Amino acid sequence: MGPMLQTNPRSELALVKAVVAGDLAAAQQFLDAVSGTLWSVVVTLEGDGADGESAFLGIIEALKAGGYARLKAFDGRSRLATYLAIAARDILADRLARSFVEAPRSSWTRFERFFGADIRRRVAQRFPREANSGHRDDAYQEVCLKFIEDDYRRIRAYDGLGSFTGYILTVAERILIDLLRRDAPRRRLPAAVARLSQLDQDIYASIIWNAHPADADRLAMTMRGRFEKDPDAAEIRQAMERLAKLGPLVPAGASGRGRMVSLESSGDGDDALAIPDHGANPEEELLEAEEERTRTELLEAVKAAAAELPSDERLYLQIVCSAADPLPAREIARSMQLPVEEVYRLKQRTQRWLANLATSLEKN
């Protein structure tokens, strides 16, 4: 297919300008020079068989279209090889999008080859602590299942506007955000742990989230390559001692296991029947305590700020917040002895006030 494109930026720009201007000799020189670069993109995304040959010819035709219109945006600031690799990928992506309209079930393998690496990179970015737990593979599979479900509904929803690649990666990102929200209670670091060093946080995640044995020597092996200087077992023991002061280093879900005893035992002393404790594990208890403190602080902040409100807005808030269920505007109006229209205006003002208060509290 010809050599890979290797020229200097000035000659690249001059060549492209000549091609766009209609110079046939320059066009032939351009195609000879870029064929290797384009073929490498095709082999990566489509394979090197008959499909690859067809895809390569499709890229050439797309580049020629409109008098090489796709080349007009090239300004020489990037290498031509980089520019063409992106252009070729977009052309192949459009081809892939069309195939899902014509024959979706036979297009999935190409889809995974095309987007698999990008989706896995995004999974790794969203789950940075899960490299050795298998959770990333599970997340990748869940993303794929979401794309496949309902006869590839999400893929076929592409309307042709904008980049198909951009569309697919945006959908993948939204699916991953949903997965993160689903796992949020388990994945959020307690504030006390988040204030510690990165090493402490990684050890906490390994033991609590990933059920890694609380063994300093084995953790030292797990932590290799994560930091500029690999931590030794002594540093890890010190980190584990700091974490142990916050709560038991017990994997999530493991603290409620009882031990097996004979049903013929008396039930006293060491032979007493162990009843599994299905209450919160140490991590959940730590998070719940922090959330309770946060709620208390938030309520105190709201009370203090509400003291500065006009009396009608303060009364409106008291009525609304003390009700077990949402109250109709007419009922609030009767309680306040005001017209319903005024209650709606109070609602708008207090909602703006609450939004501003929330923004202020977040900043602080």
Protein backbone atom coordinates (compact mmCIF):
# COMPACT_ATOMS: atom_id res chain seq x y z
CA MET A 1 0.00 0.00 0.00
CA GLY A 2 3.00 2.30 -0.11
CA PRO A 3 5.27 3.77 2.57
CA MET A 4 4.08 5.55 5.67
CA LEU A 5 3.89 9.33 5.23
CA GLN A 6 7.19 10.95 6.30
CA THR A 7 7.66 14.55 5.17
CA ASN A 8 8.28 17.88 6.86
CA PRO A 9 5.37 20.21 7.76
CA ARG A 10 6.19 22.88 5.14
CA SER A 11 6.29 20.40 2.27
CA GLU A 12 3.12 18.73 3.57
CA LEU A 13 1.19 22.00 3.54
CA ALA A 14 2.49 22.90 0.09
CA LEU A 15 1.50 19.48 -1.23
CA VAL A 16 -2.00 19.70 0.22
CA LYS A 17 -2.50 23.20 -1.20
CA ALA A 18 -1.49 21.96 -4.64
CA VAL A 19 -3.90 19.00 -4.38
CA VAL A 20 -6.80 21.27 -3.36
CA ALA A 21 -5.91 23.64 -6.21
CA GLY A 22 -6.48 20.80 -8.69
CA ASP A 23 -2.90 19.81 -9.55
CA LEU A 24 -3.26 16.22 -10.83
CA ALA A 25 0.43 15.39 -10.43
CA ALA A 26 0.31 16.64 -6.83
CA ALA A 27 -2.81 14.55 -6.20
CA GLN A 28 -1.05 11.40 -7.39
CA GLN A 29 2.00 12.23 -5.28
CA PHE A 30 -0.30 12.80 -2.28
CA LEU A 31 -2.06 9.44 -2.70
CA ASP A 32 1.24 7.61 -3.07
CA ALA A 33 2.58 9.31 0.05
CA VAL A 34 -0.43 8.77 2.31
CA SER A 35 -1.50 5.25 1.32
CA GLY A 36 0.65 3.61 4.01
CA THR A 37 -0.78 5.82 6.76
CA LEU A 38 -4.35 5.22 5.64
CA TRP A 39 -3.83 1.47 5.33
CA SER A 40 -2.47 1.24 8.89
CA VAL A 41 -5.66 2.91 10.16
CA VAL A 42 -7.79 0.49 8.13
CA VAL A 43 -5.95 -2.59 9.41
CA THR A 44 -6.40 -1.41 13.01
CA LEU A 45 -10.11 -0.69 12.70
CA GLU A 46 -11.33 -3.00 9.90
CA GLY A 47 -8.73 -5.73 9.49
CA ASP A 48 -6.65 -6.54 6.41
CA GLY A 49 -9.01 -8.83 4.50
CA ALA A 50 -11.59 -8.05 1.84
CA ASP A 51 -13.41 -5.70 4.25
CA GLY A 52 -10.17 -3.82 4.77
CA GLU A 53 -9.60 -3.42 1.03
CA SER A 54 -13.15 -2.12 0.63
CA ALA A 55 -12.73 0.28 3.54
CA PHE A 56 -9.43 1.58 2.13
CA LEU A 57 -11.01 2.33 -1.24
CA GLY A 58 -13.90 4.02 0.57
CA ILE A 59 -11.47 6.33 2.37
CA ILE A 60 -9.75 7.27 -0.91
CA GLU A 61 -13.08 8.08 -2.54
CA ALA A 62 -14.18 10.14 0.44
CA LEU A 63 -10.92 12.12 0.39
CA LYS A 64 -11.29 12.80 -3.34
CA ALA A 65 -14.91 13.95 -2.95
CA GLY A 66 -15.62 17.60 -3.67
CA GLY A 67 -12.16 18.23 -5.06
CA TYR A 68 -10.44 16.95 -1.90
CA ALA A 69 -12.71 19.13 0.24
CA ARG A 70 -11.66 17.34 3.45
CA LEU A 71 -8.11 18.60 2.99
CA LYS A 72 -9.07 22.29 2.93
CA ALA A 73 -9.07 22.48 6.73
CA PHE A 74 -5.45 21.29 6.96
CA ASP A 75 -3.29 24.26 8.02
CA GLY A 76 0.05 22.58 8.68
CA ARG A 77 -0.04 23.03 12.47
CA SER A 78 -0.30 19.26 12.98
CA ARG A 79 1.45 16.52 11.04
CA LEU A 80 -0.42 15.43 7.93
CA ALA A 81 -0.29 11.82 9.10
CA THR A 82 -2.14 12.78 12.30
CA TYR A 83 -4.71 14.82 10.38
CA LEU A 84 -5.34 11.99 7.92
CA ALA A 85 -5.59 9.34 10.65
CA ILE A 86 -8.38 11.36 12.26
CA ALA A 87 -10.06 11.96 8.90
CA ALA A 88 -9.83 8.26 8.01
CA ARG A 89 -11.29 7.28 11.36
CA ASP A 90 -14.24 9.65 10.82
CA ILE A 91 -14.83 8.23 7.34
CA LEU A 92 -14.77 4.66 8.65
CA ALA A 93 -17.04 5.67 11.54
CA ASP A 94 -19.63 7.00 9.07
CA ARG A 95 -19.36 3.71 7.17
CA LEU A 96 -19.90 1.81 10.41
CA ALA A 97 -22.93 3.95 11.31
CA ARG A 98 -24.53 3.12 7.94
CA SER A 99 -23.91 -0.59 8.48
CA PHE A 100 -25.98 -0.50 11.68
CA VAL A 101 -28.93 0.74 9.65
CA GLU A 102 -28.50 -1.93 6.97
CA ALA A 103 -27.30 -4.98 8.98
CA PRO A 104 -26.90 -4.21 12.71
CA ARG A 105 -26.33 -7.78 13.95
CA SER A 106 -23.39 -8.39 11.64
CA SER A 107 -21.79 -5.04 12.55
CA TRP A 108 -21.17 -5.56 16.25
CA THR A 109 -17.73 -7.17 15.87
CA ARG A 110 -16.57 -4.18 13.83
CA PHE A 111 -18.09 -1.84 16.40
CA GLU A 112 -16.11 -3.44 19.25
CA ARG A 113 -12.88 -3.38 17.25
CA PHE A 114 -13.53 0.25 16.38
CA PHE A 115 -14.52 1.57 19.82
CA GLY A 116 -13.35 -1.09 22.27
CA ALA A 117 -10.02 0.54 23.17
CA ASP A 118 -11.60 3.99 23.59
CA ILE A 119 -14.36 2.66 25.83
CA ARG A 120 -11.87 0.72 27.97
CA ARG A 121 -9.79 3.88 28.41
CA ARG A 122 -12.84 5.72 29.64
CA VAL A 123 -13.69 2.87 31.99
CA ALA A 124 -10.15 3.09 33.43
CA GLN A 125 -10.53 6.86 33.90
CA ARG A 126 -13.88 6.45 35.66
CA PHE A 127 -12.70 3.55 37.85
CA PRO A 128 -9.03 4.39 38.55
CA ARG A 129 -8.79 2.18 41.63
CA GLU A 130 -10.21 -0.96 40.05
CA ALA A 131 -7.25 -2.15 37.97
CA ASN A 132 -6.89 -5.52 39.71
CA SER A 133 -10.45 -6.24 40.82
CA GLY A 134 -12.20 -7.24 37.60
CA HIS A 135 -14.61 -4.34 38.11
CA ARG A 136 -13.34 -2.60 34.96
CA ASP A 137 -14.10 -5.67 32.84
CA ASP A 138 -17.57 -5.82 34.38
CA ALA A 139 -18.11 -2.12 33.63
CA TYR A 140 -16.94 -2.58 30.03
CA GLN A 141 -19.36 -5.48 29.57
CA GLU A 142 -22.21 -3.42 31.01
CA VAL A 143 -21.47 -0.61 28.55
CA CYS A 144 -21.51 -3.12 25.68
CA LEU A 145 -24.80 -4.60 26.87
CA LYS A 146 -26.36 -1.14 26.95
CA PHE A 147 -25.29 -0.59 23.34
CA ILE A 148 -26.66 -4.00 22.28
CA GLU A 149 -30.01 -3.89 24.11
CA ASP A 150 -33.26 -3.13 22.28
CA ASP A 151 -31.73 -4.16 18.93
CA TYR A 152 -28.83 -1.66 19.17
CA ARG A 153 -31.24 1.20 19.88
CA ARG A 154 -28.58 3.60 21.21
CA ILE A 155 -26.32 3.11 18.18
CA ARG A 156 -29.14 3.37 15.66
CA ALA A 157 -30.37 6.58 17.31
CA TYR A 158 -27.46 8.45 15.68
CA ASP A 159 -29.06 11.05 13.41
CA GLY A 160 -26.09 11.81 11.19
CA LEU A 161 -25.43 15.18 12.77
CA GLY A 162 -21.91 15.64 14.03
CA SER A 163 -19.28 12.96 14.42
CA PHE A 164 -20.44 9.35 14.89
CA THR A 165 -17.32 8.72 16.97
CA GLY A 166 -18.14 11.69 19.21
CA TYR A 167 -21.73 10.51 19.52
CA ILE A 168 -20.79 6.95 20.55
CA LEU A 169 -18.19 8.08 23.10
CA THR A 170 -20.67 10.56 24.58
CA VAL A 171 -23.25 7.79 25.00
CA ALA A 172 -20.58 5.53 26.55
CA GLU A 173 -19.66 8.31 28.97
CA ARG A 174 -23.29 8.72 30.04
CA ILE A 175 -23.62 4.98 30.64
CA LEU A 176 -20.46 5.04 32.78
CA ILE A 177 -21.78 8.00 34.77
CA ASP A 178 -24.94 5.99 35.47
CA LEU A 179 -22.79 3.06 36.65
CA LEU A 180 -20.82 5.40 38.92
CA ARG A 181 -24.02 6.80 40.42
CA ARG A 182 -25.28 3.28 41.02
CA ASP A 183 -22.04 2.36 42.80
CA ALA A 184 -21.61 5.72 44.52
CA PRO A 185 -22.42 4.58 48.10
CA ARG A 186 -19.74 1.90 47.88
CA ARG A 187 -17.19 3.95 45.99
CA ARG A 188 -17.17 7.21 47.96
CA LEU A 189 -14.20 7.55 50.26
CA PRO A 190 -15.09 8.59 53.81
CA ALA A 191 -13.97 12.19 54.38
CA ALA A 192 -11.55 11.11 57.12
CA VAL A 193 -9.84 8.76 54.67
CA ALA A 194 -9.88 11.30 51.83
CA ARG A 195 -7.83 13.67 54.01
CA LEU A 196 -5.03 11.10 54.26
CA SER A 197 -2.25 10.46 51.73
CA GLN A 198 -2.77 8.80 48.36
CA LEU A 199 -1.03 5.70 49.70
CA ASP A 200 -3.47 5.52 52.62
CA GLN A 201 -6.43 5.92 50.25
CA ASP A 202 -5.17 3.21 47.89
CA ILE A 203 -4.63 0.80 50.78
CA TYR A 204 -8.13 1.56 52.10
CA ALA A 205 -9.65 0.91 48.65
CA SER A 206 -7.67 -2.32 48.22
CA ILE A 207 -8.75 -3.77 51.57
CA ILE A 208 -12.27 -2.38 52.00
CA TRP A 209 -13.50 -2.29 48.40
CA ASN A 210 -11.43 -5.00 46.70
CA ALA A 211 -11.16 -7.42 49.67
CA HIS A 212 -7.36 -7.55 49.46
CA PRO A 213 -5.79 -9.31 52.49
CA ALA A 214 -4.61 -6.83 55.12
CA ASP A 215 -1.03 -8.05 54.72
CA ALA A 216 1.68 -5.40 54.39
CA ASP A 217 4.04 -7.53 52.31
CA ARG A 218 1.36 -8.53 49.81
CA LEU A 219 0.03 -4.97 49.65
CA ALA A 220 3.56 -3.75 48.89
CA MET A 221 3.54 -5.96 45.79
CA THR A 222 0.09 -4.68 44.80
CA MET A 223 1.21 -1.04 45.10
CA ARG A 224 4.22 -1.44 42.81
CA GLY A 225 4.22 0.97 39.88
CA ARG A 226 1.52 3.27 41.30
CA PHE A 227 3.89 5.82 42.81
CA GLU A 228 7.17 7.44 41.81
CA LYS A 229 8.83 5.48 44.64
CA ASP A 230 7.33 2.09 45.47
CA PRO A 231 6.25 1.98 49.15
CA ASP A 232 7.84 -0.74 51.27
CA ALA A 233 6.10 -2.98 53.81
CA ALA A 234 7.06 -0.72 56.74
CA GLU A 235 5.40 2.33 55.14
CA ILE A 236 2.30 0.27 54.41
CA ARG A 237 2.10 -0.96 58.03
CA GLN A 238 2.23 2.66 59.21
CA ALA A 239 -0.54 3.56 56.76
CA MET A 240 -2.65 0.61 57.98
CA GLU A 241 -2.17 1.78 61.58
CA ARG A 242 -3.45 5.25 60.62
CA LEU A 243 -6.47 3.72 58.89
CA ALA A 244 -7.19 1.37 61.79
CA LYS A 245 -7.65 4.39 64.06
CA LEU A 246 -10.64 5.41 61.90
CA GLY A 247 -12.32 2.01 62.01
CA PRO A 248 -11.76 -1.73 61.51
CA LEU A 249 -9.98 -2.64 58.25
CA VAL A 250 -12.63 -5.15 57.22
CA PRO A 251 -13.76 -5.68 53.59
CA ALA A 252 -17.20 -4.26 52.87
CA GLY A 253 -19.84 -6.91 53.53
CA ALA A 254 -17.48 -9.20 55.45
CA SER A 255 -18.07 -7.92 58.97
CA GLY A 256 -21.41 -9.67 59.47
CA ARG A 257 -20.25 -13.26 59.10
CA GLY A 258 -20.84 -15.56 62.07
CA ARG A 259 -18.88 -18.72 62.79
CA MET A 260 -20.29 -22.26 62.61
CA VAL A 261 -21.01 -23.95 65.96
CA SER A 262 -22.64 -27.19 67.04
CA LEU A 263 -26.38 -27.03 67.47
CA GLU A 264 -25.88 -29.23 70.54
CA SER A 265 -23.81 -26.63 72.39
CA SER A 266 -25.16 -25.02 75.52
CA GLY A 267 -25.14 -21.56 74.03
CA ASP A 268 -22.83 -20.21 76.68
CA GLY A 269 -19.24 -19.01 76.57
CA ASP A 270 -17.03 -19.76 73.54
CA ASP A 271 -19.56 -22.19 72.10
CA ALA A 272 -22.36 -19.63 71.97
CA LEU A 273 -24.23 -19.55 68.68
CA ALA A 274 -22.92 -16.75 66.45
CA ILE A 275 -25.76 -14.75 64.94
CA PRO A 276 -24.74 -12.88 61.75
CA ASP A 277 -24.96 -9.15 62.18
CA HIS A 278 -26.73 -7.72 59.12
CA GLY A 279 -26.23 -4.15 60.25
CA ALA A 280 -23.92 -1.63 58.65
CA ASN A 281 -20.30 -2.62 58.13
CA PRO A 282 -17.49 -0.37 59.48
CA GLU A 283 -17.21 1.60 56.24
CA GLU A 284 -20.97 2.25 56.11
CA GLU A 285 -20.98 3.30 59.77
CA LEU A 286 -18.17 5.79 59.10
CA LEU A 287 -19.96 7.21 56.05
CA GLU A 288 -23.29 7.42 57.90
CA ALA A 289 -21.67 9.26 60.80
CA GLU A 290 -20.13 11.76 58.41
CA GLU A 291 -23.43 12.23 56.56
CA GLU A 292 -25.26 12.78 59.87
CA ARG A 293 -22.74 15.47 60.83
CA THR A 294 -23.14 17.06 57.41
CA ARG A 295 -26.94 17.06 57.69
CA THR A 296 -26.77 18.64 61.13
CA GLU A 297 -24.37 21.32 59.94
CA LEU A 298 -26.56 21.97 56.88
CA LEU A 299 -29.71 22.38 58.98
CA GLU A 300 -27.93 24.77 61.33
CA ALA A 301 -26.68 26.80 58.35
CA VAL A 302 -30.19 26.96 56.86
CA LYS A 303 -31.70 28.04 60.19
CA ALA A 304 -29.09 30.75 60.65
CA ALA A 305 -29.55 32.07 57.11
CA ALA A 306 -33.36 31.91 57.32
CA ALA A 307 -33.31 34.26 60.30
CA GLU A 308 -32.41 37.05 57.85
CA LEU A 309 -35.38 36.40 55.58
CA PRO A 310 -38.53 38.55 55.54
CA SER A 311 -41.20 37.18 57.88
CA ASP A 312 -43.53 35.97 55.11
CA GLU A 313 -40.78 33.95 53.39
CA ARG A 314 -39.63 32.53 56.72
CA LEU A 315 -43.18 31.46 57.58
CA TYR A 316 -43.63 29.91 54.13
CA LEU A 317 -40.44 27.85 54.63
CA GLN A 318 -41.57 26.72 58.09
CA ILE A 319 -44.90 25.49 56.74
CA VAL A 320 -43.40 23.71 53.75
CA CYS A 321 -40.51 22.09 55.64
CA SER A 322 -42.64 20.89 58.55
CA ALA A 323 -45.18 19.10 56.35
CA ALA A 324 -44.85 15.33 55.98
CA ASP A 325 -46.06 15.50 52.36
CA PRO A 326 -46.02 18.30 49.76
CA LEU A 327 -48.81 20.77 50.47
CA PRO A 328 -51.07 22.23 47.75
CA ALA A 329 -50.66 25.98 47.23
CA ARG A 330 -54.28 26.61 48.28
CA GLU A 331 -53.73 24.92 51.64
CA ILE A 332 -50.58 26.97 52.25
CA ALA A 333 -52.53 30.10 51.26
CA ARG A 334 -55.22 29.30 53.84
CA SER A 335 -52.62 28.75 56.55
CA MET A 336 -50.88 32.03 55.75
CA GLN A 337 -54.15 33.89 55.00
CA LEU A 338 -52.76 35.04 51.67
CA PRO A 339 -53.98 34.87 48.05
CA VAL A 340 -52.79 31.80 46.14
CA GLU A 341 -50.93 34.03 43.67
CA GLU A 342 -48.82 35.41 46.51
CA VAL A 343 -47.96 31.86 47.64
CA TYR A 344 -46.64 31.10 44.15
CA ARG A 345 -44.47 34.23 44.31
CA LEU A 346 -43.18 33.18 47.75
CA LYS A 347 -42.35 29.76 46.34
CA GLN A 348 -40.27 31.30 43.53
CA ARG A 349 -38.40 33.62 45.93
CA THR A 350 -37.64 30.90 48.47
CA GLN A 351 -36.48 28.51 45.72
CA ARG A 352 -34.04 31.14 44.46
CA TRP A 353 -32.90 31.75 48.03
CA LEU A 354 -32.32 28.03 48.63
CA ALA A 355 -30.40 27.69 45.36
CA ASN A 356 -28.14 30.64 46.28
CA LEU A 357 -27.65 29.24 49.77
CA ALA A 358 -26.68 25.82 48.36
CA THR A 359 -24.12 27.44 46.05
CA SER A 360 -22.68 29.43 48.95
CA LEU A 361 -22.42 26.35 51.16
CA GLU A 362 -20.70 24.37 48.41
CA LYS A 363 -18.07 27.09 48.03
CA ASN A 364 -17.41 27.03 51.75
